[in-house]
PDB file of N, CA and C in Angstrom:
ATOM      1  N   MET A   1     149.095  55.217  41.948  1.00  0.00           N
ATOM      2  CA  MET A   1     147.717  54.975  41.619  1.00  0.00           C
ATOM      3  C   MET A   1     146.783  55.758  42.543  1.00  0.00           C
ATOM      4  N   LEU A   2     147.099  55.879  43.792  1.00  0.00           N
ATOM      5  CA  LEU A   2     146.263  56.626  44.717  1.00  0.00           C
ATOM      6  C   LEU A   2     146.273  58.119  44.413  1.00  0.00           C
ATOM      7  N   ILE A   3     147.382  58.606  43.973  1.00  0.00           N
ATOM      8  CA  ILE A   3     147.479  60.038  43.701  1.00  0.00           C
ATOM      9  C   ILE A   3     146.627  60.405  42.481  1.00  0.00           C
ATOM     10  N   SER A   4     146.686  59.598  41.455  1.00  0.00           N
ATOM     11  CA  SER A   4     145.899  59.913  40.262  1.00  0.00           C
ATOM     12  C   SER A   4     144.399  59.826  40.551  1.00  0.00           C
ATOM     13  N   SER A   5     143.967  58.916  41.414  1.00  0.00           N
ATOM     14  CA  SER A   5     142.554  58.815  41.761  1.00  0.00           C
ATOM     15  C   SER A   5     142.096  60.049  42.530  1.00  0.00           C
ATOM     16  N   ALA A   6     142.925  60.478  43.476  1.00  0.00           N
ATOM     17  CA  ALA A   6     142.573  61.663  44.241  1.00  0.00           C
ATOM     18  C   ALA A   6     142.561  62.886  43.337  1.00  0.00           C
ATOM     19  N   TYR A   7     143.466  62.945  42.412  1.00  0.00           N
ATOM     20  CA  TYR A   7     143.544  64.068  41.494  1.00  0.00           C
ATOM     21  C   TYR A   7     142.302  64.099  40.581  1.00  0.00           C
ATOM     22  N   ALA A   8     141.834  62.936  40.180  1.00  0.00           N
ATOM     23  CA  ALA A   8     140.652  62.851  39.339  1.00  0.00           C
ATOM     24  C   ALA A   8     139.403  63.284  40.103  1.00  0.00           C
ATOM     25  N   GLN A   9     139.335  62.975  41.382  1.00  0.00           N
ATOM     26  CA  GLN A   9     138.192  63.386  42.173  1.00  0.00           C
ATOM     27  C   GLN A   9     138.168  64.901  42.342  1.00  0.00           C
ATOM     28  N   ALA A  10     139.286  65.532  42.532  1.00  0.00           N
ATOM     29  CA  ALA A  10     139.341  66.981  42.672  1.00  0.00           C
ATOM     30  C   ALA A  10     138.932  67.659  41.366  1.00  0.00           C
ATOM     31  N   ALA A  11     139.301  67.099  40.246  1.00  0.00           N
ATOM     32  CA  ALA A  11     138.935  67.670  38.957  1.00  0.00           C
ATOM     33  C   ALA A  11     137.428  67.547  38.742  1.00  0.00           C
ATOM     34  N   GLY A  12     136.815  66.499  39.230  1.00  0.00           N
ATOM     35  CA  GLY A  12     135.372  66.315  39.095  1.00  0.00           C
ATOM     36  C   GLY A  12     134.596  67.357  39.881  1.00  0.00           C
ATOM     37  N   ALA A  13     135.118  67.768  41.013  1.00  0.00           N
ATOM     38  CA  ALA A  13     134.434  68.771  41.818  1.00  0.00           C
ATOM     39  C   ALA A  13     134.417  70.116  41.105  1.00  0.00           C
ATOM     40  N   THR A  14     135.459  70.485  40.439  1.00  0.00           N
ATOM     41  CA  THR A  14     135.476  71.752  39.714  1.00  0.00           C
ATOM     42  C   THR A  14     134.634  71.657  38.445  1.00  0.00           C
ATOM     43  N   ASP A  15     134.466  70.470  37.912  1.00  0.00           N
ATOM     44  CA  ASP A  15     133.629  70.277  36.728  1.00  0.00           C
ATOM     45  C   ASP A  15     132.161  70.591  37.036  1.00  0.00           C
ATOM     46  N   ALA A  16     131.689  70.222  38.219  1.00  0.00           N
ATOM     47  CA  ALA A  16     130.298  70.472  38.593  1.00  0.00           C
ATOM     48  C   ALA A  16     130.025  71.971  38.658  1.00  0.00           C
ATOM     49  N   ALA A  17     130.935  72.725  39.213  1.00  0.00           N
ATOM     50  CA  ALA A  17     130.757  74.179  39.283  1.00  0.00           C
ATOM     51  C   ALA A  17     130.832  74.786  37.885  1.00  0.00           C
ATOM     52  N   GLY A  18     131.681  74.247  37.053  1.00  0.00           N
ATOM     53  CA  GLY A  18     131.799  74.746  35.679  1.00  0.00           C
ATOM     54  C   GLY A  18     130.555  74.469  34.859  1.00  0.00           C
ATOM     55  N   SER A  19     129.946  73.314  35.074  1.00  0.00           N
ATOM     56  CA  SER A  19     128.730  72.993  34.313  1.00  0.00           C
ATOM     57  C   SER A  19     127.561  73.865  34.762  1.00  0.00           C
ATOM     58  N   MET A  20     127.537  74.268  36.017  1.00  0.00           N
ATOM     59  CA  MET A  20     126.486  75.176  36.488  1.00  0.00           C
ATOM     60  C   MET A  20     126.630  76.545  35.830  1.00  0.00           C
ATOM     61  N   MET A  21     127.843  76.971  35.598  1.00  0.00           N
ATOM     62  CA  MET A  21     128.090  78.266  34.957  1.00  0.00           C
ATOM     63  C   MET A  21     127.700  78.223  33.482  1.00  0.00           C
ATOM     64  N   GLN A  22     127.694  77.048  32.876  1.00  0.00           N
ATOM     65  CA  GLN A  22     127.282  76.941  31.486  1.00  0.00           C
ATOM     66  C   GLN A  22     125.782  77.170  31.326  1.00  0.00           C
ATOM     67  N   PHE A  23     124.991  76.871  32.341  1.00  0.00           N
ATOM     68  CA  PHE A  23     123.552  77.057  32.277  1.00  0.00           C
ATOM     69  C   PHE A  23     123.125  78.485  32.601  1.00  0.00           C
ATOM     70  N   LEU A  24     124.010  79.277  33.150  1.00  0.00           N
ATOM     71  CA  LEU A  24     123.683  80.643  33.526  1.00  0.00           C
ATOM     72  C   LEU A  24     123.221  81.481  32.328  1.00  0.00           C
ATOM     73  N   PRO A  25     123.866  81.460  31.172  1.00  0.00           N
ATOM     74  CA  PRO A  25     123.351  82.246  30.035  1.00  0.00           C
ATOM     75  C   PRO A  25     121.962  81.807  29.579  1.00  0.00           C
ATOM     76  N   ILE A  26     121.668  80.524  29.643  1.00  0.00           N
ATOM     77  CA  ILE A  26     120.349  80.031  29.253  1.00  0.00           C
ATOM     78  C   ILE A  26     119.286  80.546  30.216  1.00  0.00           C
ATOM     79  N   VAL A  27     119.590  80.531  31.498  1.00  0.00           N
ATOM     80  CA  VAL A  27     118.658  81.043  32.501  1.00  0.00           C
ATOM     81  C   VAL A  27     118.445  82.537  32.297  1.00  0.00           C
ATOM     82  N   LEU A  28     119.501  83.274  32.036  1.00  0.00           N
ATOM     83  CA  LEU A  28     119.374  84.713  31.804  1.00  0.00           C
ATOM     84  C   LEU A  28     118.557  85.009  30.548  1.00  0.00           C
ATOM     85  N   MET A  29     118.730  84.214  29.504  1.00  0.00           N
ATOM     86  CA  MET A  29     117.936  84.413  28.293  1.00  0.00           C
ATOM     87  C   MET A  29     116.451  84.155  28.558  1.00  0.00           C
ATOM     88  N   PHE A  30     116.154  83.158  29.374  1.00  0.00           N
ATOM     89  CA  PHE A  30     114.765  82.877  29.709  1.00  0.00           C
ATOM     90  C   PHE A  30     114.150  84.030  30.499  1.00  0.00           C
ATOM     91  N   VAL A  31     114.909  84.599  31.427  1.00  0.00           N
ATOM     92  CA  VAL A  31     114.410  85.728  32.219  1.00  0.00           C
ATOM     93  C   VAL A  31     114.125  86.920  31.307  1.00  0.00           C
ATOM     94  N   VAL A  32     115.030  87.206  30.384  1.00  0.00           N
ATOM     95  CA  VAL A  32     114.824  88.317  29.451  1.00  0.00           C
ATOM     96  C   VAL A  32     113.608  88.030  28.568  1.00  0.00           C
ATOM     97  N   LEU A  33     113.465  86.821  28.087  1.00  0.00           N
ATOM     98  CA  LEU A  33     112.313  86.433  27.278  1.00  0.00           C
ATOM     99  C   LEU A  33     111.018  86.627  28.057  1.00  0.00           C
ATOM    100  N   TRP A  34     111.026  86.277  29.313  1.00  0.00           N
ATOM    101  CA  TRP A  34     109.845  86.418  30.163  1.00  0.00           C
ATOM    102  C   TRP A  34     109.419  87.883  30.245  1.00  0.00           C
ATOM    103  N   PHE A  35     110.369  88.770  30.518  1.00  0.00           N
ATOM    104  CA  PHE A  35     110.013  90.177  30.704  1.00  0.00           C
ATOM    105  C   PHE A  35     109.727  90.902  29.393  1.00  0.00           C
ATOM    106  N   LEU A  36     110.241  90.433  28.283  1.00  0.00           N
ATOM    107  CA  LEU A  36     110.013  91.112  27.014  1.00  0.00           C
ATOM    108  C   LEU A  36     108.831  90.571  26.226  1.00  0.00           C
ATOM    109  N   MET A  37     108.490  89.291  26.406  1.00  0.00           N
ATOM    110  CA  MET A  37     107.436  88.706  25.581  1.00  0.00           C
ATOM    111  C   MET A  37     106.262  88.148  26.372  1.00  0.00           C
ATOM    112  N   ILE A  38     106.507  87.322  27.327  1.00  0.00           N
ATOM    113  CA  ILE A  38     105.428  86.607  28.001  1.00  0.00           C
ATOM    114  C   ILE A  38     104.646  87.525  28.935  1.00  0.00           C
ATOM    115  N   ARG A  39     105.334  88.295  29.753  1.00  0.00           N
ATOM    116  CA  ARG A  39     104.661  89.160  30.722  1.00  0.00           C
ATOM    117  C   ARG A  39     103.779  90.220  30.054  1.00  0.00           C
ATOM    118  N   PRO A  40     104.245  90.929  29.006  1.00  0.00           N
ATOM    119  CA  PRO A  40     103.350  91.894  28.353  1.00  0.00           C
ATOM    120  C   PRO A  40     102.119  91.239  27.714  1.00  0.00           C
ATOM    121  N   GLN A  41     102.283  90.035  27.202  1.00  0.00           N
ATOM    122  CA  GLN A  41     101.138  89.339  26.605  1.00  0.00           C
ATOM    123  C   GLN A  41     100.101  88.986  27.666  1.00  0.00           C
ATOM    124  N   GLN A  42     100.551  88.556  28.839  1.00  0.00           N
ATOM    125  CA  GLN A  42      99.620  88.258  29.927  1.00  0.00           C
ATOM    126  C   GLN A  42      98.902  89.524  30.384  1.00  0.00           C
ATOM    127  N   LYS A  43      99.624  90.637  30.442  1.00  0.00           N
ATOM    128  CA  LYS A  43      99.026  91.906  30.846  1.00  0.00           C
ATOM    129  C   LYS A  43      97.964  92.336  29.843  1.00  0.00           C
ATOM    130  N   LYS A  44      98.252  92.184  28.553  1.00  0.00           N
ATOM    131  CA  LYS A  44      97.300  92.539  27.511  1.00  0.00           C
ATOM    132  C   LYS A  44      96.053  91.661  27.597  1.00  0.00           C
ATOM    133  N   ALA A  45      96.223  90.385  27.868  1.00  0.00           N
ATOM    134  CA  ALA A  45      95.084  89.469  27.996  1.00  0.00           C
ATOM    135  C   ALA A  45      94.210  89.848  29.192  1.00  0.00           C
ATOM    136  N   LYS A  46      94.816  90.252  30.294  1.00  0.00           N
ATOM    137  CA  LYS A  46      94.045  90.672  31.471  1.00  0.00           C
ATOM    138  C   LYS A  46      93.257  91.939  31.176  1.00  0.00           C
ATOM    139  N   GLU A  47      93.867  92.881  30.452  1.00  0.00           N
ATOM    140  CA  GLU A  47      93.166  94.110  30.089  1.00  0.00           C
ATOM    141  C   GLU A  47      91.978  93.819  29.173  1.00  0.00           C
ATOM    142  N   HIS A  48      92.141  92.902  28.224  1.00  0.00           N
ATOM    143  CA  HIS A  48      91.051  92.535  27.318  1.00  0.00           C
ATOM    144  C   HIS A  48      89.916  91.870  28.091  1.00  0.00           C
ATOM    145  N   GLN A  49      90.256  91.005  29.030  1.00  0.00           N
ATOM    146  CA  GLN A  49      89.223  90.342  29.832  1.00  0.00           C
ATOM    147  C   GLN A  49      88.483  91.353  30.692  1.00  0.00           C
ATOM    148  N   ALA A  50      89.193  92.340  31.245  1.00  0.00           N
ATOM    149  CA  ALA A  50      88.542  93.380  32.042  1.00  0.00           C
ATOM    150  C   ALA A  50      87.607  94.219  31.170  1.00  0.00           C
ATOM    151  N   MET A  51      88.008  94.491  29.932  1.00  0.00           N
ATOM    152  CA  MET A  51      87.158  95.236  29.013  1.00  0.00           C
ATOM    153  C   MET A  51      85.897  94.447  28.693  1.00  0.00           C
ATOM    154  N   LEU A  52      86.028  93.139  28.485  1.00  0.00           N
ATOM    155  CA  LEU A  52      84.860  92.304  28.202  1.00  0.00           C
ATOM    156  C   LEU A  52      83.916  92.240  29.400  1.00  0.00           C
ATOM    157  N   ASP A  53      84.470  92.172  30.598  1.00  0.00           N
ATOM    158  CA  ASP A  53      83.636  92.116  31.797  1.00  0.00           C
ATOM    159  C   ASP A  53      82.893  93.427  32.032  1.00  0.00           C
ATOM    160  N   ALA A  54      83.466  94.537  31.564  1.00  0.00           N
ATOM    161  CA  ALA A  54      82.863  95.847  31.794  1.00  0.00           C
ATOM    162  C   ALA A  54      81.851  96.238  30.717  1.00  0.00           C
ATOM    163  N   LEU A  55      81.657  95.409  29.701  1.00  0.00           N
ATOM    164  CA  LEU A  55      80.704  95.734  28.635  1.00  0.00           C
ATOM    165  C   LEU A  55      79.292  95.847  29.194  1.00  0.00           C
ATOM    166  N   ALA A  56      78.565  96.832  28.682  1.00  0.00           N
ATOM    167  CA  ALA A  56      77.180  97.035  29.106  1.00  0.00           C
ATOM    168  C   ALA A  56      76.330  97.333  27.882  1.00  0.00           C
ATOM    169  N   LYS A  57      75.034  97.219  28.043  1.00  0.00           N
ATOM    170  CA  LYS A  57      74.100  97.499  26.964  1.00  0.00           C
ATOM    171  C   LYS A  57      74.249  98.971  26.562  1.00  0.00           C
ATOM    172  N   GLY A  58      74.343  99.207  25.253  1.00  0.00           N
ATOM    173  CA  GLY A  58      74.488 100.570  24.755  1.00  0.00           C
ATOM    174  C   GLY A  58      75.925 100.958  24.434  1.00  0.00           C
ATOM    175  N   ASP A  59      76.904 100.144  24.832  1.00  0.00           N
ATOM    176  CA  ASP A  59      78.303 100.433  24.502  1.00  0.00           C
ATOM    177  C   ASP A  59      78.519 100.257  23.008  1.00  0.00           C
ATOM    178  N   GLU A  60      79.384 101.083  22.466  1.00  0.00           N
ATOM    179  CA  GLU A  60      79.730 100.983  21.055  1.00  0.00           C
ATOM    180  C   GLU A  60      81.045 100.224  20.939  1.00  0.00           C
ATOM    181  N   VAL A  61      81.048  99.177  20.115  1.00  0.00           N
ATOM    182  CA  VAL A  61      82.188  98.266  20.047  1.00  0.00           C
ATOM    183  C   VAL A  61      82.609  98.025  18.602  1.00  0.00           C
ATOM    184  N   VAL A  62      83.809  97.492  18.456  1.00  0.00           N
ATOM    185  CA  VAL A  62      84.314  97.038  17.166  1.00  0.00           C
ATOM    186  C   VAL A  62      84.752  95.589  17.353  1.00  0.00           C
ATOM    187  N   THR A  63      84.322  94.725  16.424  1.00  0.00           N
ATOM    188  CA  THR A  63      84.707  93.316  16.507  1.00  0.00           C
ATOM    189  C   THR A  63      86.085  93.118  15.898  1.00  0.00           C
ATOM    190  N   GLY A  64      86.613  91.935  16.046  1.00  0.00           N
ATOM    191  CA  GLY A  64      87.903  91.599  15.466  1.00  0.00           C
ATOM    192  C   GLY A  64      87.894  91.648  13.955  1.00  0.00           C
ATOM    193  N   GLY A  65      86.751  91.480  13.343  1.00  0.00           N
ATOM    194  CA  GLY A  65      86.618  91.537  11.896  1.00  0.00           C
ATOM    195  C   GLY A  65      86.403  92.949  11.365  1.00  0.00           C
ATOM    196  N   GLY A  66      86.299  93.917  12.262  1.00  0.00           N
ATOM    197  CA  GLY A  66      86.152  95.306  11.848  1.00  0.00           C
ATOM    198  C   GLY A  66      84.722  95.802  11.803  1.00  0.00           C
ATOM    199  N   ILE A  67      83.777  95.027  12.278  1.00  0.00           N
ATOM    200  CA  ILE A  67      82.375  95.441  12.275  1.00  0.00           C
ATOM    201  C   ILE A  67      82.119  96.296  13.511  1.00  0.00           C
ATOM    202  N   ALA A  68      81.594  97.498  13.279  1.00  0.00           N
ATOM    203  CA  ALA A  68      81.294  98.416  14.382  1.00  0.00           C
ATOM    204  C   ALA A  68      79.798  98.400  14.642  1.00  0.00           C
ATOM    205  N   GLY A  69      79.426  98.480  15.909  1.00  0.00           N
ATOM    206  CA  GLY A  69      78.014  98.478  16.259  1.00  0.00           C
ATOM    207  C   GLY A  69      77.809  98.784  17.722  1.00  0.00           C
ATOM    208  N   ARG A  70      76.541  98.724  18.111  1.00  0.00           N
ATOM    209  CA  ARG A  70      76.152  99.033  19.487  1.00  0.00           C
ATOM    210  C   ARG A  70      75.646  97.762  20.157  1.00  0.00           C
ATOM    211  N   VAL A  71      76.057  97.533  21.385  1.00  0.00           N
ATOM    212  CA  VAL A  71      75.660  96.336  22.135  1.00  0.00           C
ATOM    213  C   VAL A  71      74.187  96.450  22.500  1.00  0.00           C
ATOM    214  N   VAL A  72      73.414  95.410  22.138  1.00  0.00           N
ATOM    215  CA  VAL A  72      71.990  95.382  22.424  1.00  0.00           C
ATOM    216  C   VAL A  72      71.703  94.414  23.575  1.00  0.00           C
ATOM    217  N   LYS A  73      72.392  93.291  23.579  1.00  0.00           N
ATOM    218  CA  LYS A  73      72.127  92.250  24.570  1.00  0.00           C
ATOM    219  C   LYS A  73      73.436  91.531  24.885  1.00  0.00           C
ATOM    220  N   ILE A  74      73.627  91.212  26.163  1.00  0.00           N
ATOM    221  CA  ILE A  74      74.836  90.512  26.585  1.00  0.00           C
ATOM    222  C   ILE A  74      74.425  89.188  27.215  1.00  0.00           C
ATOM    223  N   GLY A  75      74.940  88.101  26.655  1.00  0.00           N
ATOM    224  CA  GLY A  75      74.682  86.778  27.200  1.00  0.00           C
ATOM    225  C   GLY A  75      75.928  86.229  27.885  1.00  0.00           C
ATOM    226  N   GLU A  76      75.878  84.958  28.195  1.00  0.00           N
ATOM    227  CA  GLU A  76      77.013  84.306  28.852  1.00  0.00           C
ATOM    228  C   GLU A  76      78.232  84.248  27.939  1.00  0.00           C
ATOM    229  N   ASN A  77      78.033  83.764  26.720  1.00  0.00           N
ATOM    230  CA  ASN A  77      79.142  83.597  25.778  1.00  0.00           C
ATOM    231  C   ASN A  77      79.019  84.469  24.533  1.00  0.00           C
ATOM    232  N   TYR A  78      77.834  84.992  24.283  1.00  0.00           N
ATOM    233  CA  TYR A  78      77.583  85.754  23.057  1.00  0.00           C
ATOM    234  C   TYR A  78      77.065  87.147  23.387  1.00  0.00           C
ATOM    235  N   ILE A  79      77.335  88.075  22.462  1.00  0.00           N
ATOM    236  CA  ILE A  79      76.851  89.443  22.576  1.00  0.00           C
ATOM    237  C   ILE A  79      76.096  89.758  21.294  1.00  0.00           C
ATOM    238  N   THR A  80      74.930  90.385  21.424  1.00  0.00           N
ATOM    239  CA  THR A  80      74.166  90.816  20.269  1.00  0.00           C
ATOM    240  C   THR A  80      74.532  92.260  19.985  1.00  0.00           C
ATOM    241  N   VAL A  81      74.975  92.516  18.746  1.00  0.00           N
ATOM    242  CA  VAL A  81      75.429  93.842  18.345  1.00  0.00           C
ATOM    243  C   VAL A  81      74.539  94.333  17.209  1.00  0.00           C
ATOM    244  N   GLU A  82      74.033  95.556  17.347  1.00  0.00           N
ATOM    245  CA  GLU A  82      73.237  96.169  16.290  1.00  0.00           C
ATOM    246  C   GLU A  82      74.188  96.943  15.381  1.00  0.00           C
ATOM    247  N   ILE A  83      74.278  96.525  14.111  1.00  0.00           N
ATOM    248  CA  ILE A  83      75.229  97.150  13.196  1.00  0.00           C
ATOM    249  C   ILE A  83      74.557  98.164  12.271  1.00  0.00           C
ATOM    250  N   ALA A  84      73.256  98.113  12.158  1.00  0.00           N
ATOM    251  CA  ALA A  84      72.466  99.080  11.404  1.00  0.00           C
ATOM    252  C   ALA A  84      71.066  99.066  12.011  1.00  0.00           C
ATOM    253  N   ALA A  85      70.246 100.005  11.605  1.00  0.00           N
ATOM    254  CA  ALA A  85      68.894 100.079  12.159  1.00  0.00           C
ATOM    255  C   ALA A  85      68.146  98.779  11.860  1.00  0.00           C
ATOM    256  N   GLY A  86      67.818  98.037  12.894  1.00  0.00           N
ATOM    257  CA  GLY A  86      67.080  96.789  12.749  1.00  0.00           C
ATOM    258  C   GLY A  86      67.926  95.591  12.353  1.00  0.00           C
ATOM    259  N   VAL A  87      69.227  95.739  12.219  1.00  0.00           N
ATOM    260  CA  VAL A  87      70.099  94.622  11.843  1.00  0.00           C
ATOM    261  C   VAL A  87      70.965  94.268  13.048  1.00  0.00           C
ATOM    262  N   GLU A  88      70.731  93.087  13.595  1.00  0.00           N
ATOM    263  CA  GLU A  88      71.468  92.637  14.765  1.00  0.00           C
ATOM    264  C   GLU A  88      72.226  91.357  14.432  1.00  0.00           C
ATOM    265  N   ILE A  89      73.433  91.241  14.941  1.00  0.00           N
ATOM    266  CA  ILE A  89      74.235  90.028  14.775  1.00  0.00           C
ATOM    267  C   ILE A  89      74.711  89.567  16.139  1.00  0.00           C
ATOM    268  N   GLN A  90      74.962  88.283  16.228  1.00  0.00           N
ATOM    269  CA  GLN A  90      75.517  87.725  17.455  1.00  0.00           C
ATOM    270  C   GLN A  90      76.986  87.406  17.227  1.00  0.00           C
ATOM    271  N   VAL A  91      77.823  87.827  18.166  1.00  0.00           N
ATOM    272  CA  VAL A  91      79.257  87.533  18.096  1.00  0.00           C
ATOM    273  C   VAL A  91      79.693  86.962  19.440  1.00  0.00           C
ATOM    274  N   GLN A  92      80.746  86.191  19.398  1.00  0.00           N
ATOM    275  CA  GLN A  92      81.292  85.670  20.647  1.00  0.00           C
ATOM    276  C   GLN A  92      81.953  86.806  21.419  1.00  0.00           C
ATOM    277  N   LYS A  93      81.934  86.713  22.732  1.00  0.00           N
ATOM    278  CA  LYS A  93      82.518  87.767  23.559  1.00  0.00           C
ATOM    279  C   LYS A  93      83.986  88.043  23.219  1.00  0.00           C
ATOM    280  N   PRO A  94      84.816  87.011  23.073  1.00  0.00           N
ATOM    281  CA  PRO A  94      86.228  87.308  22.776  1.00  0.00           C
ATOM    282  C   PRO A  94      86.450  87.985  21.427  1.00  0.00           C
ATOM    283  N   ALA A  95      85.428  87.991  20.539  1.00  0.00           N
ATOM    284  CA  ALA A  95      85.568  88.626  19.235  1.00  0.00           C
ATOM    285  C   ALA A  95      85.508  90.146  19.316  1.00  0.00           C
ATOM    286  N   ILE A  96      85.086  90.689  20.451  1.00  0.00           N
ATOM    287  CA  ILE A  96      85.053  92.141  20.622  1.00  0.00           C
ATOM    288  C   ILE A  96      86.482  92.610  20.821  1.00  0.00           C
ATOM    289  N   ALA A  97      86.944  93.466  19.900  1.00  0.00           N
ATOM    290  CA  ALA A  97      88.336  93.919  19.942  1.00  0.00           C
ATOM    291  C   ALA A  97      88.514  95.158  20.816  1.00  0.00           C
ATOM    292  N   LEU A  98      87.591  96.117  20.694  1.00  0.00           N
ATOM    293  CA  LEU A  98      87.730  97.337  21.490  1.00  0.00           C
ATOM    294  C   LEU A  98      86.394  98.023  21.630  1.00  0.00           C
ATOM    295  N   THR A  99      86.310  98.890  22.608  1.00  0.00           N
ATOM    296  CA  THR A  99      85.114  99.706  22.803  1.00  0.00           C
ATOM    297  C   THR A  99      85.417 101.110  22.305  1.00  0.00           C
ATOM    298  N   LEU A 100      84.400 101.735  21.736  1.00  0.00           N
ATOM    299  CA  LEU A 100      84.534 103.091  21.212  1.00  0.00           C
ATOM    300  C   LEU A 100      83.956 104.083  22.203  1.00  0.00           C
ATOM    301  N   PRO A 101      84.394 105.326  22.147  1.00  0.00           N
ATOM    302  CA  PRO A 101      83.772 106.350  23.009  1.00  0.00           C
ATOM    303  C   PRO A 101      82.300 106.546  22.634  1.00  0.00           C
ATOM    304  N   LYS A 102      81.492 106.917  23.605  1.00  0.00           N
ATOM    305  CA  LYS A 102      80.061 107.124  23.367  1.00  0.00           C
ATOM    306  C   LYS A 102      79.868 108.198  22.297  1.00  0.00           C
ATOM    307  N   GLY A 103      78.921 107.953  21.400  1.00  0.00           N
ATOM    308  CA  GLY A 103      78.597 108.921  20.365  1.00  0.00           C
ATOM    309  C   GLY A 103      79.414 108.764  19.088  1.00  0.00           C
ATOM    310  N   THR A 104      80.267 107.774  19.012  1.00  0.00           N
ATOM    311  CA  THR A 104      81.063 107.564  17.810  1.00  0.00           C
ATOM    312  C   THR A 104      80.181 107.115  16.655  1.00  0.00           C
ATOM    313  N   LEU A 105      79.247 106.277  16.952  1.00  0.00           N
ATOM    314  CA  LEU A 105      78.328 105.760  15.916  1.00  0.00           C
ATOM    315  C   LEU A 105      76.998 106.502  16.012  1.00  0.00           C
ATOM    316  N   LYS A 106      76.945 107.737  15.574  1.00  0.00           N
ATOM    317  CA  LYS A 106      75.753 108.568  15.743  1.00  0.00           C
ATOM    318  C   LYS A 106      74.609 108.142  14.846  1.00  0.00           C
ATOM    319  N   ASN A 107      74.893 107.713  13.633  1.00  0.00           N
ATOM    320  CA  ASN A 107      73.816 107.414  12.691  1.00  0.00           C
ATOM    321  C   ASN A 107      73.307 105.990  12.779  1.00  0.00           C
ATOM    322  N   LEU A 108      73.677 105.248  13.777  1.00  0.00           N
ATOM    323  CA  LEU A 108      73.211 103.864  13.918  1.00  0.00           C
ATOM    324  C   LEU A 108      71.858 103.829  14.570  1.00  0.00           C
TER     325      LEU A 108
END
């Protein structure tokens, strides 16, 4: 009876190391997921926020809906964009998708 108990305890010690090895593929998959999906998305979000912070009056922008115009006024949460002569709209800051090079919208 003593021998079987001692033998069972030794088998339990190797089981703990074996169960740790079973989690290794899951940890590796999470690391790969982090570098392929999560990290690039965070980088893209930081670049978009930097672009929004750098907006100035007179910049030419395109909204997420595809409306192109020139920035007339910048507020805390909203930006006023002139899309045609005398036509101004207000859009939320995060709705600005990209900035265009100067002179792209010549006839505005």
